[in-house]
Amino acid sequence: MHVHLQQPADGAQAPRFLRLTLVPDLFGGWELLRESGRVGARSQLRRELYLKADEARHAYEKARDAELHRGFQILSHGD
């Protein structure tokens, strides 16, 4: 499951992006990967670990909804 979000360009600076990816790990848990930065620049990757799928999905949805509330737009998504 993943979603790619981006803020509209505001003129002088490149727009910001955020990619959220939810994947199972090798030990039966789940990882929420958050990659963010400016388009065309270096990005930052954060990794959050969850033991249960429903906790991981809730964190994914909460992060996605928070960024949509901040003005990001969905560019692509998949399950």
Protein backbone atom coordinates (compact mmCIF):
# COMPACT_ATOMS: atom_id res chain seq x y z
CA MET A 1 0.00 0.00 0.00
CA HIS A 2 1.44 3.39 -0.95
CA VAL A 3 0.49 6.98 -1.70
CA HIS A 4 2.51 9.79 -3.29
CA LEU A 5 1.51 13.32 -2.20
CA GLN A 6 2.78 16.70 -3.35
CA GLN A 7 2.19 20.32 -2.42
CA PRO A 8 1.39 22.74 -5.24
CA ALA A 9 4.39 24.83 -6.34
CA ASP A 10 4.48 28.25 -4.70
CA GLY A 11 6.77 30.01 -7.17
CA ALA A 12 10.37 30.36 -6.03
CA GLN A 13 10.88 26.97 -4.35
CA ALA A 14 10.35 23.48 -5.70
CA PRO A 15 7.23 21.78 -4.31
CA ARG A 16 7.48 19.39 -1.37
CA PHE A 17 6.55 15.73 -1.71
CA LEU A 18 5.73 12.89 0.64
CA ARG A 19 5.60 9.19 -0.18
CA LEU A 20 3.99 6.85 2.37
CA THR A 21 4.52 3.11 1.95
CA LEU A 22 3.15 0.37 4.18
CA VAL A 23 4.86 -3.01 3.83
CA PRO A 24 5.18 -6.22 5.86
CA ASP A 25 8.61 -6.83 7.38
CA LEU A 26 10.53 -10.10 7.63
CA PHE A 27 9.50 -10.76 11.23
CA GLY A 28 5.72 -10.65 10.92
CA GLY A 29 5.34 -6.95 11.70
CA TRP A 30 4.73 -3.93 9.50
CA GLU A 31 6.83 -0.96 8.40
CA LEU A 32 5.54 2.50 7.56
CA LEU A 33 8.10 4.26 5.36
CA ARG A 34 7.88 8.05 5.05
CA GLU A 35 10.03 9.62 2.35
CA SER A 36 9.82 13.41 2.13
CA GLY A 37 11.63 16.40 0.70
CA ARG A 38 11.62 18.86 -2.17
CA VAL A 39 11.18 17.68 -5.75
CA GLY A 40 14.63 17.41 -7.35
CA ALA A 41 16.53 17.54 -4.04
CA ARG A 42 17.68 14.99 -1.48
CA SER A 43 14.95 13.34 0.49
CA GLN A 44 14.65 12.08 4.05
CA LEU A 45 13.45 8.57 4.86
CA ARG A 46 11.89 7.65 8.20
CA ARG A 47 10.85 4.14 9.18
CA GLU A 48 8.23 3.26 11.80
CA LEU A 49 7.71 -0.31 12.98
CA TYR A 50 4.38 -1.81 14.07
CA LEU A 51 3.55 -5.26 15.40
CA LYS A 52 -0.06 -5.34 14.19
CA ALA A 53 -1.46 -4.64 10.73
CA ASP A 54 -4.39 -2.58 12.02
CA GLU A 55 -2.06 -0.29 14.02
CA ALA A 56 0.13 0.19 10.95
CA ARG A 57 -2.86 0.93 8.70
CA HIS A 58 -4.20 3.44 11.22
CA ALA A 59 -0.82 5.26 11.34
CA TYR A 60 -0.68 5.27 7.50
CA GLU A 61 -4.19 6.72 7.21
CA LYS A 62 -3.55 9.29 9.95
CA ALA A 63 -0.33 10.48 8.26
CA ARG A 64 -2.04 10.66 4.85
CA ASP A 65 -5.02 12.59 6.19
CA ALA A 66 -2.79 15.04 8.09
CA GLU A 67 -0.86 15.89 4.93
CA LEU A 68 -4.05 16.26 2.89
CA HIS A 69 -5.27 18.70 5.55
CA ARG A 70 -2.00 20.68 5.15
CA GLY A 71 -2.66 21.17 1.42
CA PHE A 72 -0.88 18.21 -0.16
CA GLN A 73 -2.57 16.56 -3.13
CA ILE A 74 -2.53 12.88 -4.07
CA LEU A 75 -0.52 12.22 -7.23
CA SER A 76 -0.75 8.43 -7.18
CA HIS A 77 -1.78 5.64 -4.85
CA GLY A 78 -2.03 1.88 -4.80
CA ASP A 79 -2.97 -0.99 -2.52
